[in-house]
Structures are given as C-alpha cells and as structure tokens.
Amino acid sequence: MKKMKKVIIIGAGVIGCAVARELSKYDLDICVLEKGLDVPGGTSRANSAIIHAGYDDQPGSVKAELCVKGNALFDELKDELDFHFEKNGSLVVALNSNEERKLQDLVKRGKKNGVRGLKILSSKETLKLEPNLNPAVKSALYASTAGIVSPFGYTIALYENAIKNGVKFIFDSNVEKVVVENKKMKGVVSNGKFIDANIVINAAGLHSDEISKTAGIDYFYIDPQKGEYFVFDDTIGKVVSRTVFPAPLEKTKGILIAYDVFGKIIIGPNSESIVDKEDTSTTEKGLMEVFMGAKRIVPSLRLQDIVTYFAGVRAQPSTEDFIIESYPNKAYGFINLAGIKSPGFTASYAIAGRAVELIKDLGFKLRGKKGFNPMRKNIPRFRDLSSKEKKALVAKNPQFGHVICRCEQVTEGEIVEAIHRGATTVQGVKFRTSAGFGRCQMGFCGPRIIEILSRETGVPARKIRKFGKNSYYFSGNIKSVSNRLS
C-alpha cells in the first residue's frame, strides 16, 4: 500500500483550522502544530467577529476575490458545522458630503468585486433601519450579505470536524524553522525536534514572516497592528441590529459598532503600529479613541455600560495583500498563507480551497477520503432551548439543570461537554460555552469553572490556566478559597 503524504500545518488559528478541515477530505497524514494550548490561536480569538460583504477591498487583489468567495460559503458551513452565524447585513454611514462621496467609491469597488445586495440608503431609510444612529446621518451603504459570527465558535467547529476526520493537533508546539534540502521540503523543527513532512503550510499569522524566512522566502514582512475594543453589557439591548461602520479612512475601515452572536454590543478597533507581536495591552488613550469614534455614530453609548475591553493584533503584510503562494523552484512543498489580516476571517474557507489548489499545482495527487464526515454538532446552548427541550435534556443529564454562569445561563453540563471536547483552560471553556462573557466577567463562575476543570481533567486546581502557557490563577498551595480547590 502506498504511504500517505505527510502534511504539517503551522498554526491553529482560523486559517490553519480551515485548511486542516478542507484537507481532511483527502487521504493525507495531517498534523497541525500550534504553540498555544488550545484553539483558536492568535488573532482568531480577538477580532471584530464579522463577516464582510467584500466592497472595501481593492478590485483585482487576492483579498477582494477570496473575501467574496469566502462570504458565500458561510451558509453551507453553518449547516454542516453548527456554529453561531447570522447574516444580518451592514451599513457604512456618511455624516457629511465628503463621506457620501466615499460611499459611492465603495459601491463601485463592490460591484467590481462581484458583491451583491449593495444599496445606497437615504437618511430617512437609514434611520428607519437603525433609529439609534446619529440623526445627522446623510446616507448609508447597505450590504445585505454581511454578517456576524462567533470567531472562536467557528474555529473550534473546524477543529473538531478536522479531528473527527483524522487530523492530529499538537499543542504547546513551537515551530522554530522549516527544513529545506536541495530546494525541497523535508519537514520542520518544533520544540527542538525534527518532524518530517512532504508539504508544510505556513499559517502562523503574526509570525508567518519569521517562518517563511527559514524556508528562504524573505521578500515580505509582517507589520503588527494593534486594535482595541469595548464590549457592552447586554442589558442595553440591540443599540444597533446590524454592523455599522463609519466612512472608511485611508488605511482602516474605521471604528465599527456591532452586536455579536451572544447579543452584546462591541465597538472597535482603532489601529496602532507596534513592535511586539504579542502586545495585547490596552491604553486609556486608545480605548477613548475607540469610544469617541463609536459615539460619533451612536451618540447614546455610555461608558458606564461597558463590561470589558480587550485588544487584538492584526498581521498587516508589507505587500498590502494576502500572500498565498507555493515555491516549486525554491522550496518545493512549502506553502505560504501569510499576511492574512481583515477580511481574512471572512475569506478563511476560500483560502483553504486555494491551498488545496496549490498542492495540486505542485503535482501532488489528492485522493478523496472514503467516509469523510462533514457534519459536526455544537454543544447544546441551554439558555436558547424551549422549556420542553430543557426538561428533556435535564432528564437525560442532570448536570444541565445546574447553572454555573448566572450571567450567561451556562450549565455544568455545557462546561463538562466543553472539557470532554478538548478544553483544558478556563478560556477554552469560555470560548466553547460563553461562560464568563457576562457582566461579572467570571467573578462568580470563574472558581467553579476551575473546580470543574480540575475534577474532569485530574489536573490540580493550582495548575489550571487561563489560556496561555504561564497564565496560572494560583501561586503556591490553595488553603482557603474552597475546600474543594485545596
């Protein structure tokens, strides 16, 4: 029997997981190496959580093409993978005549990019759709194909389905370099050990330029761009029902206002060039820039309604476009999926399809896998079930009758299911269940989640981590937090 080709994917962010799931349709030996402890990695867990329509990108760019293609795939992906996604549309609002001219430019771009459902709305039409917008709005560009998504939910769905179809994920695995001999891919060195592979796919996000250099491909670099966000308490309701952008600036789409799939309003991001790719700190100056930018569009926003804030770092490529390439004459078998910034989340599955095309173009014959299963079922979200469904679930498993996170109404049953599906950290549970997203920000449920993680995994509570490698909650022995945590 012929030996299967070995594929290594570097990075378990949304791109790495999308590629892993798409390649799991074929008879390949696939391994994903991720330096973190769980999915999603890097930028995929800190972003705007929106699906772009595709009117903003420069016509003819790779971004423009794959954004529109990726957008069109989400309905089918949701049906197969059961993640939170809603096609609720977006608005770009103009508050003056100069901004109105920018809307016309976006319409022209969108039509060239093949975006459907674009329409310029009058002030009256705009305010009818979104009555909480600044009454000074003159007009708006409406895009019906835009949507909102759970970024971690989507990435985790890809990950779980890839595993179901035979993909191996190795966490806490830091790839130091790829190994090329005689212009041909040999494998990678991770945590000091060599792992052989016929194909290596670089989906390392912010560090994709560093990985690429080790393969001898060094014509581009990643300029990390930090963006800060605020999240509001869901008690303020749907201040907006669609994603709302200001007229775009020269290099950014501007500070948006959106409600996420968990019913909360999110605003951001700003944009700041930084040096440290791991710098996700926030500043008063940056956060106030975000707040005032959003308040210009929705004047009713109040600081006292904010429950949390965070920052993400975007992988801005020096090329200004996605870098999706193979190098048959220099590093045969090496593929770059680098510089994937916005709209990378939207384009993710189209990028995965392009990666498959590149592998075929290199001459690798891909044979379809018998028994590939495209379906994945999400953890039941207890708060969304009918009374009848809740009773049936509790009768089957009493843990679903025990609420742990009061803010989000997340039960012990959901948390245990998340752990059994691979969550080993508190944020791993949070990303899979929404426990901790509410007003108290884990003030009440955090200790109980740590306790359940310890119980289900057998790891002492003092060794349970938030998400990163050294993010322990406790230092030394635990004496008085709880008898069950000691």
Protein backbone atom coordinates (compact mmCIF):
# COMPACT_ATOMS: atom_id res chain seq x y z
CA MET A 1 0.00 0.00 0.00
CA LYS A 2 1.35 3.43 -0.94
CA LYS A 3 2.38 5.59 2.01
CA MET A 4 0.23 8.69 2.59
CA LYS A 5 1.81 12.08 2.03
CA LYS A 6 2.57 13.95 5.24
CA VAL A 7 1.28 17.48 5.69
CA ILE A 8 2.23 19.83 8.51
CA ILE A 9 0.16 22.96 9.11
CA ILE A 10 1.80 25.60 11.29
CA GLY A 11 -0.77 27.45 13.38
CA ALA A 12 -4.24 26.57 14.70
CA GLY A 13 -5.92 29.89 14.11
CA VAL A 14 -8.90 30.14 11.79
CA ILE A 15 -6.73 29.70 8.65
CA GLY A 16 -4.86 26.66 9.96
CA CYS A 17 -8.08 25.02 11.15
CA ALA A 18 -9.90 25.78 7.89
CA VAL A 19 -7.07 24.24 5.88
CA ALA A 20 -6.95 21.23 8.21
CA ARG A 21 -10.67 20.61 7.79
CA GLU A 22 -10.57 21.02 3.99
CA LEU A 23 -7.53 18.75 3.60
CA SER A 24 -9.15 16.13 5.85
CA LYS A 25 -11.34 15.31 2.83
CA TYR A 26 -8.29 13.59 1.30
CA ASP A 27 -6.09 10.61 2.14
CA LEU A 28 -3.30 12.54 3.81
CA ASP A 29 -1.39 12.29 7.08
CA ILE A 30 -2.12 15.75 8.51
CA CYS A 31 -0.68 17.29 11.65
CA VAL A 32 -1.32 20.83 12.96
CA LEU A 33 1.34 22.35 15.20
CA GLU A 34 0.18 25.17 17.50
CA LYS A 35 2.37 26.98 20.03
CA GLY A 36 -0.65 27.73 22.25
CA LEU A 37 -2.56 25.32 24.45
CA ASP A 38 -5.85 25.33 22.55
CA VAL A 39 -7.73 26.75 19.60
CA PRO A 40 -8.24 29.38 18.42
CA GLY A 41 -4.70 30.69 18.25
CA GLY A 42 -3.54 34.29 17.85
CA THR A 43 -5.70 36.91 16.15
CA SER A 44 -8.56 34.45 15.66
CA ARG A 45 -9.67 34.87 19.26
CA ALA A 46 -9.55 38.70 19.33
CA ASN A 47 -11.19 40.40 16.37
CA SER A 48 -14.38 42.12 15.23
CA ALA A 49 -16.31 38.84 14.76
CA ILE A 50 -17.91 39.94 11.49
CA ILE A 51 -18.28 38.51 8.01
CA HIS A 52 -17.52 41.20 5.45
CA ALA A 53 -19.51 41.65 2.24
CA GLY A 54 -16.41 42.47 0.16
CA TYR A 55 -16.95 46.03 -1.07
CA ASP A 56 -13.95 47.52 0.71
CA ASP A 57 -11.02 45.65 -0.87
CA GLN A 58 -9.08 46.82 -3.91
CA PRO A 59 -10.51 45.19 -7.07
CA GLY A 60 -8.11 42.64 -8.53
CA SER A 61 -6.48 41.87 -5.17
CA VAL A 62 -6.38 38.40 -3.69
CA LYS A 63 -8.24 39.80 -0.67
CA ALA A 64 -11.10 41.06 -2.81
CA GLU A 65 -11.51 37.77 -4.66
CA LEU A 66 -11.35 35.49 -1.64
CA CYS A 67 -13.46 37.70 0.62
CA VAL A 68 -16.45 37.45 -1.72
CA LYS A 69 -15.89 33.72 -2.28
CA GLY A 70 -15.47 33.09 1.44
CA ASN A 71 -18.59 35.04 2.33
CA ALA A 72 -20.66 32.85 0.02
CA LEU A 73 -19.53 29.68 1.83
CA PHE A 74 -20.76 30.53 5.33
CA ASP A 75 -24.37 29.40 4.99
CA GLU A 76 -23.29 25.90 3.97
CA LEU A 77 -20.53 25.81 6.58
CA LYS A 78 -23.00 26.77 9.31
CA ASP A 79 -25.35 23.97 8.22
CA GLU A 80 -22.54 21.44 8.36
CA LEU A 81 -20.62 22.64 11.43
CA ASP A 82 -23.39 24.16 13.59
CA PHE A 83 -21.70 27.37 14.79
CA HIS A 84 -23.25 30.76 15.58
CA PHE A 85 -23.60 32.83 12.40
CA GLU A 86 -26.17 35.39 11.32
CA LYS A 87 -26.37 37.23 8.01
CA ASN A 88 -27.74 40.49 9.40
CA GLY A 89 -26.23 42.98 6.92
CA SER A 90 -24.04 46.02 7.44
CA LEU A 91 -24.16 49.78 6.98
CA VAL A 92 -21.45 52.29 6.16
CA VAL A 93 -22.77 55.69 7.26
CA ALA A 94 -21.89 59.14 5.96
CA LEU A 95 -22.28 62.21 8.15
CA ASN A 96 -21.16 64.77 5.56
CA SER A 97 -20.88 65.25 1.80
CA ASN A 98 -17.22 64.17 1.68
CA GLU A 99 -18.14 60.87 3.35
CA GLU A 100 -21.03 60.44 0.93
CA ARG A 101 -18.54 60.51 -1.96
CA LYS A 102 -16.63 57.70 -0.22
CA LEU A 103 -19.80 55.61 -0.21
CA GLN A 104 -20.04 55.97 -3.99
CA ASP A 105 -16.44 54.75 -4.28
CA LEU A 106 -17.30 51.71 -2.15
CA VAL A 107 -20.28 50.87 -4.35
CA LYS A 108 -18.04 50.95 -7.43
CA ARG A 109 -15.48 48.72 -5.72
CA GLY A 110 -18.14 46.33 -4.53
CA LYS A 111 -19.64 45.92 -7.98
CA LYS A 112 -16.20 45.25 -9.48
CA ASN A 113 -15.61 42.66 -6.76
CA GLY A 114 -18.91 40.91 -7.52
CA VAL A 115 -20.69 41.86 -4.29
CA ARG A 116 -24.45 41.54 -4.46
CA GLY A 117 -27.08 43.31 -2.37
CA LEU A 118 -25.43 46.75 -2.23
CA LYS A 119 -27.70 49.77 -1.95
CA ILE A 120 -27.35 53.44 -1.01
CA LEU A 121 -29.99 54.42 1.53
CA SER A 122 -31.26 57.92 2.25
CA SER A 123 -31.09 59.48 5.71
CA LYS A 124 -34.70 58.55 6.35
CA GLU A 125 -34.24 54.95 5.20
CA THR A 126 -31.07 54.57 7.28
CA LEU A 127 -32.65 55.88 10.48
CA LYS A 128 -35.68 53.68 9.94
CA LEU A 129 -33.37 50.63 9.95
CA GLU A 130 -31.18 51.90 12.79
CA PRO A 131 -33.02 54.59 14.82
CA ASN A 132 -30.18 54.95 17.37
CA LEU A 133 -27.71 56.27 14.80
CA ASN A 134 -26.62 59.90 14.80
CA PRO A 135 -29.62 61.84 13.40
CA ALA A 136 -27.14 63.87 11.32
CA VAL A 137 -26.54 60.84 9.07
CA LYS A 138 -26.93 61.84 5.42
CA SER A 139 -26.90 58.42 3.76
CA ALA A 140 -25.55 54.90 4.15
CA LEU A 141 -24.30 51.99 2.09
CA TYR A 142 -26.28 48.87 2.92
CA ALA A 143 -24.72 45.44 2.27
CA SER A 144 -27.17 42.58 2.71
CA THR A 145 -24.57 39.78 2.58
CA ALA A 146 -22.55 40.92 5.61
CA GLY A 147 -22.93 39.01 8.86
CA ILE A 148 -21.75 38.26 12.38
CA VAL A 149 -20.08 35.09 13.63
CA SER A 150 -18.56 33.61 16.75
CA PRO A 151 -14.85 33.68 15.83
CA PHE A 152 -13.90 31.07 18.41
CA GLY A 153 -17.04 29.02 17.78
CA TYR A 154 -16.32 28.83 14.05
CA THR A 155 -12.65 28.00 14.55
CA ILE A 156 -13.45 25.34 17.17
CA ALA A 157 -16.06 23.82 14.84
CA LEU A 158 -13.43 23.49 12.10
CA TYR A 159 -11.01 21.99 14.61
CA GLU A 160 -13.47 19.43 15.96
CA ASN A 161 -14.54 18.32 12.49
CA ALA A 162 -10.92 18.05 11.34
CA ILE A 163 -10.16 15.80 14.32
CA LYS A 164 -13.22 13.67 13.54
CA ASN A 165 -11.77 13.18 10.07
CA GLY A 166 -8.32 12.12 11.22
CA VAL A 167 -6.28 15.31 11.64
CA LYS A 168 -3.84 15.39 14.57
CA PHE A 169 -3.32 18.59 16.58
CA ILE A 170 -0.24 19.06 18.74
CA PHE A 171 -0.41 21.99 21.16
CA ASP A 172 2.42 23.68 23.06
CA SER A 173 4.44 23.07 19.91
CA ASN A 174 6.64 26.00 18.89
CA VAL A 175 7.97 25.67 15.34
CA GLU A 176 11.47 27.16 15.18
CA LYS A 177 12.08 26.57 11.49
CA VAL A 178 11.17 24.66 8.38
CA VAL A 179 13.80 22.45 6.81
CA VAL A 180 14.52 22.67 3.06
CA GLU A 181 17.17 20.50 1.41
CA ASN A 182 18.04 20.66 -2.28
CA LYS A 183 15.14 23.09 -2.77
CA LYS A 184 12.69 20.52 -1.46
CA MET A 185 10.66 20.47 1.75
CA LYS A 186 11.86 17.99 4.35
CA GLY A 187 9.91 18.98 7.46
CA VAL A 188 10.04 21.28 10.47
CA VAL A 189 11.86 21.64 13.75
CA SER A 190 9.43 22.08 16.63
CA ASN A 191 10.44 22.24 20.30
CA GLY A 192 13.92 21.23 19.18
CA LYS A 193 12.78 18.05 17.42
CA PHE A 194 12.64 17.36 13.68
CA ILE A 195 9.30 16.24 12.19
CA ASP A 196 9.34 15.10 8.56
CA ALA A 197 6.75 16.22 6.02
CA ASN A 198 6.22 16.37 2.27
CA ILE A 199 4.15 19.54 2.49
CA VAL A 200 4.41 22.35 5.04
CA ILE A 201 1.71 25.02 5.14
CA ASN A 202 2.63 28.23 6.91
CA ALA A 203 -0.48 29.61 8.65
CA ALA A 204 1.46 31.16 11.53
CA GLY A 205 -0.33 34.51 11.43
CA LEU A 206 1.70 37.27 13.04
CA HIS A 207 4.81 35.09 12.88
CA SER A 208 4.32 33.88 9.31
CA ASP A 209 7.15 36.10 8.04
CA GLU A 210 9.58 34.56 10.53
CA ILE A 211 8.62 31.03 9.48
CA SER A 212 8.85 31.97 5.79
CA LYS A 213 12.40 33.30 6.20
CA THR A 214 13.58 29.92 7.46
CA ALA A 215 12.41 28.46 4.13
CA GLY A 216 14.40 31.08 2.23
CA ILE A 217 11.33 33.18 1.32
CA ASP A 218 12.02 36.59 2.81
CA TYR A 219 10.66 39.25 0.46
CA PHE A 220 7.87 40.35 2.83
CA TYR A 221 7.43 41.21 6.49
CA ILE A 222 4.56 41.47 8.94
CA ASP A 223 3.83 44.85 10.50
CA PRO A 224 1.77 44.12 13.64
CA GLN A 225 -1.19 46.45 14.05
CA LYS A 226 -2.96 46.54 17.42
CA GLY A 227 -6.67 47.29 17.70
CA GLU A 228 -8.60 47.89 20.93
CA TYR A 229 -12.25 47.08 21.66
CA PHE A 230 -15.01 47.67 24.20
CA VAL A 231 -17.82 45.23 25.00
CA PHE A 232 -21.09 46.47 26.48
CA ASP A 233 -23.47 44.81 28.91
CA ASP A 234 -26.33 43.11 27.09
CA THR A 235 -28.84 45.00 29.26
CA ILE A 236 -28.51 47.97 26.87
CA GLY A 237 -30.18 45.81 24.21
CA LYS A 238 -29.66 45.99 20.47
CA VAL A 239 -28.47 49.57 20.14
CA VAL A 240 -27.83 48.52 16.53
CA SER A 241 -29.16 45.45 14.74
CA ARG A 242 -26.54 45.45 12.01
CA THR A 243 -22.81 46.06 11.85
CA VAL A 244 -22.30 49.80 11.40
CA PHE A 245 -19.12 51.33 10.00
CA PRO A 246 -18.14 54.95 9.55
CA ALA A 247 -16.96 56.07 6.13
CA PRO A 248 -13.51 54.41 5.78
CA LEU A 249 -10.21 56.13 6.45
CA GLU A 250 -7.19 55.75 4.16
CA LYS A 251 -5.83 52.59 5.80
CA THR A 252 -8.65 51.28 8.02
CA LYS A 253 -12.36 50.56 7.86
CA GLY A 254 -12.76 52.72 10.96
CA ILE A 255 -14.31 52.04 14.34
CA LEU A 256 -17.41 49.88 13.99
CA ILE A 257 -20.42 49.25 16.19
CA ALA A 258 -21.93 45.77 16.06
CA TYR A 259 -23.86 43.31 18.14
CA ASP A 260 -22.28 39.90 18.40
CA VAL A 261 -23.88 36.45 18.24
CA PHE A 262 -24.15 36.44 22.04
CA GLY A 263 -26.29 39.59 21.99
CA LYS A 264 -23.69 42.09 23.16
CA ILE A 265 -22.64 45.37 21.55
CA ILE A 266 -18.97 45.57 20.58
CA ILE A 267 -17.11 48.67 19.36
CA GLY A 268 -13.63 49.00 17.82
CA PRO A 269 -10.96 48.69 16.66
CA ASN A 270 -8.53 51.56 16.41
CA SER A 271 -5.20 50.90 14.70
CA GLU A 272 -1.70 51.30 16.12
CA SER A 273 1.60 50.04 14.70
CA ILE A 274 3.52 48.17 17.40
CA VAL A 275 6.81 46.30 17.68
CA ASP A 276 5.91 43.40 19.97
CA LYS A 277 3.64 40.97 18.12
CA GLU A 278 2.34 39.62 21.42
CA ASP A 279 1.38 43.04 22.82
CA THR A 280 -2.34 42.89 23.55
CA SER A 281 -2.27 45.56 26.25
CA THR A 282 -4.84 48.35 26.26
CA THR A 283 -4.38 52.04 27.00
CA GLU A 284 -6.72 54.76 28.20
CA LYS A 285 -5.85 56.86 25.15
CA GLY A 286 -6.57 54.03 22.70
CA LEU A 287 -9.79 52.98 24.38
CA MET A 288 -11.10 56.55 24.50
CA GLU A 289 -10.30 56.87 20.79
CA VAL A 290 -12.49 53.82 20.23
CA PHE A 291 -15.30 55.10 22.43
CA MET A 292 -15.41 58.58 20.91
CA GLY A 293 -15.23 57.14 17.38
CA ALA A 294 -18.22 54.90 18.07
CA LYS A 295 -20.13 57.63 19.92
CA ARG A 296 -19.88 59.82 16.82
CA ILE A 297 -22.07 57.22 15.06
CA VAL A 298 -24.24 56.14 18.02
CA PRO A 299 -24.48 59.10 20.45
CA SER A 300 -26.37 57.16 23.15
CA LEU A 301 -23.39 54.93 24.06
CA ARG A 302 -22.27 55.33 27.68
CA LEU A 303 -19.04 54.34 29.40
CA GLN A 304 -20.92 53.04 32.44
CA ASP A 305 -22.48 50.29 30.31
CA ILE A 306 -19.12 48.75 29.38
CA VAL A 307 -18.32 45.37 30.94
CA THR A 308 -14.89 44.65 29.47
CA TYR A 309 -12.27 45.64 26.94
CA PHE A 310 -9.53 43.86 25.04
CA ALA A 311 -7.04 44.19 22.20
CA GLY A 312 -6.10 42.07 19.22
CA VAL A 313 -3.12 42.27 16.88
CA ARG A 314 -3.56 42.13 13.10
CA ALA A 315 -0.94 40.68 10.73
CA GLN A 316 -0.52 43.58 8.31
CA PRO A 317 1.69 42.37 5.40
CA SER A 318 4.18 44.69 3.71
CA THR A 319 2.63 43.61 0.39
CA GLU A 320 -0.79 45.07 1.37
CA ASP A 321 -2.38 41.81 0.17
CA PHE A 322 -2.72 38.20 1.24
CA ILE A 323 0.36 36.11 0.45
CA ILE A 324 -0.94 32.75 -0.80
CA GLU A 325 1.84 31.06 -2.72
CA SER A 326 3.97 28.00 -3.32
CA TYR A 327 7.62 27.99 -4.43
CA PRO A 328 8.30 24.96 -6.64
CA ASN A 329 11.73 26.20 -7.75
CA LYS A 330 12.98 27.32 -4.35
CA ALA A 331 11.22 25.33 -1.61
CA TYR A 332 9.10 22.65 -3.26
CA GLY A 333 6.30 21.61 -0.90
CA PHE A 334 6.29 24.83 1.13
CA ILE A 335 3.13 26.96 1.00
CA ASN A 336 2.67 30.42 2.49
CA LEU A 337 -0.73 31.52 3.77
CA ALA A 338 0.71 34.70 5.23
CA GLY A 339 -0.32 38.27 5.92
CA ILE A 340 -3.94 37.26 6.42
CA LYS A 341 -5.50 40.34 8.01
CA SER A 342 -9.04 41.64 7.52
CA PRO A 343 -11.04 40.26 5.74
CA GLY A 344 -9.13 37.06 6.49
CA PHE A 345 -11.81 35.60 8.74
CA THR A 346 -14.40 36.00 6.01
CA ALA A 347 -12.02 34.60 3.39
CA SER A 348 -10.81 31.72 5.57
CA TYR A 349 -12.50 28.80 3.86
CA ALA A 350 -11.85 30.19 0.40
CA ILE A 351 -8.18 30.43 1.43
CA ALA A 352 -8.33 26.76 2.44
CA GLY A 353 -9.66 25.93 -1.02
CA ARG A 354 -6.83 27.89 -2.60
CA ALA A 355 -4.31 25.93 -0.51
CA VAL A 356 -5.70 22.69 -1.94
CA GLU A 357 -5.30 24.11 -5.46
CA LEU A 358 -1.66 24.99 -4.74
CA ILE A 359 -0.96 21.46 -3.54
CA LYS A 360 -2.45 20.03 -6.74
CA ASP A 361 -0.50 22.53 -8.85
CA LEU A 362 2.70 21.20 -7.28
CA GLY A 363 1.87 17.78 -8.71
CA PHE A 364 0.65 16.07 -5.56
CA LYS A 365 -2.24 13.76 -6.38
CA LEU A 366 -5.02 14.10 -3.82
CA ARG A 367 -7.31 11.11 -3.44
CA GLY A 368 -10.69 11.68 -1.82
CA LYS A 369 -11.14 10.01 1.55
CA LYS A 370 -13.87 7.42 1.86
CA GLY A 371 -16.07 8.13 4.83
CA PHE A 372 -15.31 11.85 5.18
CA ASN A 373 -17.94 13.24 7.56
CA PRO A 374 -18.69 16.95 7.02
CA MET A 375 -21.09 17.22 9.96
CA ARG A 376 -20.42 18.46 13.49
CA LYS A 377 -22.93 19.25 16.23
CA ASN A 378 -22.40 22.13 18.65
CA ILE A 379 -22.74 21.88 22.43
CA PRO A 380 -26.42 22.50 23.31
CA ARG A 381 -26.86 26.11 24.47
CA PHE A 382 -29.23 25.61 27.39
CA ARG A 383 -30.48 29.21 27.55
CA ASP A 384 -31.72 29.02 23.95
CA LEU A 385 -33.75 25.81 24.35
CA SER A 386 -37.52 25.64 24.77
CA SER A 387 -38.92 24.59 28.15
CA LYS A 388 -39.72 21.16 26.74
CA GLU A 389 -36.19 20.75 25.38
CA LYS A 390 -34.68 21.86 28.69
CA LYS A 391 -36.71 19.32 30.66
CA ALA A 392 -35.73 16.52 28.28
CA LEU A 393 -32.04 17.45 28.49
CA VAL A 394 -32.04 17.65 32.29
CA ALA A 395 -33.84 14.28 32.50
CA LYS A 396 -31.10 12.80 30.34
CA ASN A 397 -28.24 14.56 32.14
CA PRO A 398 -28.96 16.36 35.47
CA GLN A 399 -25.80 18.45 35.06
CA PHE A 400 -27.72 20.56 32.53
CA GLY A 401 -30.02 21.60 35.37
CA HIS A 402 -27.17 23.15 37.35
CA VAL A 403 -26.41 26.73 36.26
CA ILE A 404 -22.76 27.71 36.80
CA CYS A 405 -22.57 31.03 34.91
CA ARG A 406 -25.59 33.06 36.01
CA CYS A 407 -24.95 35.97 33.63
CA GLU A 408 -25.00 33.79 30.51
CA GLN A 409 -27.09 30.93 31.95
CA VAL A 410 -24.42 28.34 31.18
CA THR A 411 -24.86 24.99 32.90
CA GLU A 412 -22.47 22.45 34.32
CA GLY A 413 -23.50 20.07 31.55
CA GLU A 414 -22.29 22.50 28.88
CA ILE A 415 -18.99 23.06 30.71
CA VAL A 416 -18.34 19.34 31.14
CA GLU A 417 -19.12 18.75 27.46
CA ALA A 418 -16.66 21.51 26.50
CA ILE A 419 -13.93 19.87 28.59
CA HIS A 420 -14.61 16.46 27.08
CA ARG A 421 -14.27 18.05 23.63
CA GLY A 422 -10.81 19.37 24.43
CA ALA A 423 -10.98 22.47 26.64
CA THR A 424 -8.12 22.38 29.14
CA THR A 425 -8.16 26.05 30.20
CA VAL A 426 -10.73 28.46 31.60
CA GLN A 427 -10.85 30.45 28.37
CA GLY A 428 -11.13 27.18 26.46
CA VAL A 429 -14.38 26.62 28.36
CA LYS A 430 -15.42 30.24 27.82
CA PHE A 431 -14.88 30.09 24.05
CA ARG A 432 -16.93 26.90 23.75
CA THR A 433 -19.84 27.83 26.03
CA SER A 434 -19.86 31.66 26.55
CA ALA A 435 -19.44 31.16 30.32
CA GLY A 436 -17.79 34.32 31.63
CA PHE A 437 -18.88 36.67 28.86
CA GLY A 438 -21.43 38.40 31.09
CA ARG A 439 -21.38 41.39 33.40
CA CYS A 440 -19.43 39.76 36.23
CA GLN A 441 -16.65 38.62 33.84
CA MET A 442 -16.17 35.32 35.73
CA GLY A 443 -16.32 36.98 39.15
CA PHE A 444 -18.84 34.36 40.28
CA CYS A 445 -18.45 31.44 37.89
CA GLY A 446 -14.65 31.51 37.49
CA PRO A 447 -13.80 29.50 40.64
CA ARG A 448 -16.48 26.92 39.83
CA ILE A 449 -15.15 26.52 36.29
CA ILE A 450 -11.66 25.96 37.70
CA GLU A 451 -13.09 23.35 40.08
CA ILE A 452 -14.91 21.52 37.28
CA LEU A 453 -11.84 21.62 35.03
CA SER A 454 -9.76 20.12 37.84
CA ARG A 455 -12.36 17.43 38.54
CA GLU A 456 -12.82 16.42 34.90
CA THR A 457 -9.16 16.54 33.82
CA GLY A 458 -7.47 15.36 37.02
CA VAL A 459 -5.22 18.42 36.99
CA PRO A 460 -4.80 20.12 40.41
CA ALA A 461 -6.65 23.45 40.62
CA ARG A 462 -3.40 25.34 41.23
CA LYS A 463 -2.21 24.15 37.79
CA ILE A 464 -5.31 25.19 35.87
CA ARG A 465 -4.52 28.03 33.47
CA LYS A 466 -6.48 30.88 31.94
CA PHE A 467 -5.26 30.28 28.36
CA GLY A 468 -1.55 30.87 27.84
CA LYS A 469 1.38 28.77 28.95
CA ASN A 470 2.15 30.65 32.18
CA SER A 471 -1.32 32.03 32.94
CA TYR A 472 -1.88 30.21 36.25
CA TYR A 473 -4.57 31.52 38.58
CA PHE A 474 -2.89 30.47 41.80
CA SER A 475 0.62 30.70 43.20
CA GLY A 476 1.59 28.02 45.68
CA ASN A 477 -0.86 25.84 47.60
CA ILE A 478 -4.51 26.83 47.93
CA LYS A 479 -5.61 26.98 51.55
CA SER A 480 -8.84 28.90 51.91
CA VAL A 481 -10.54 29.56 48.58
CA SER A 482 -12.58 26.41 48.89
CA ASN A 483 -12.09 23.01 50.45
CA ARG A 484 -12.74 21.54 47.03
CA LEU A 485 -9.95 23.64 45.47
CA SER A 486 -7.29 22.82 48.08
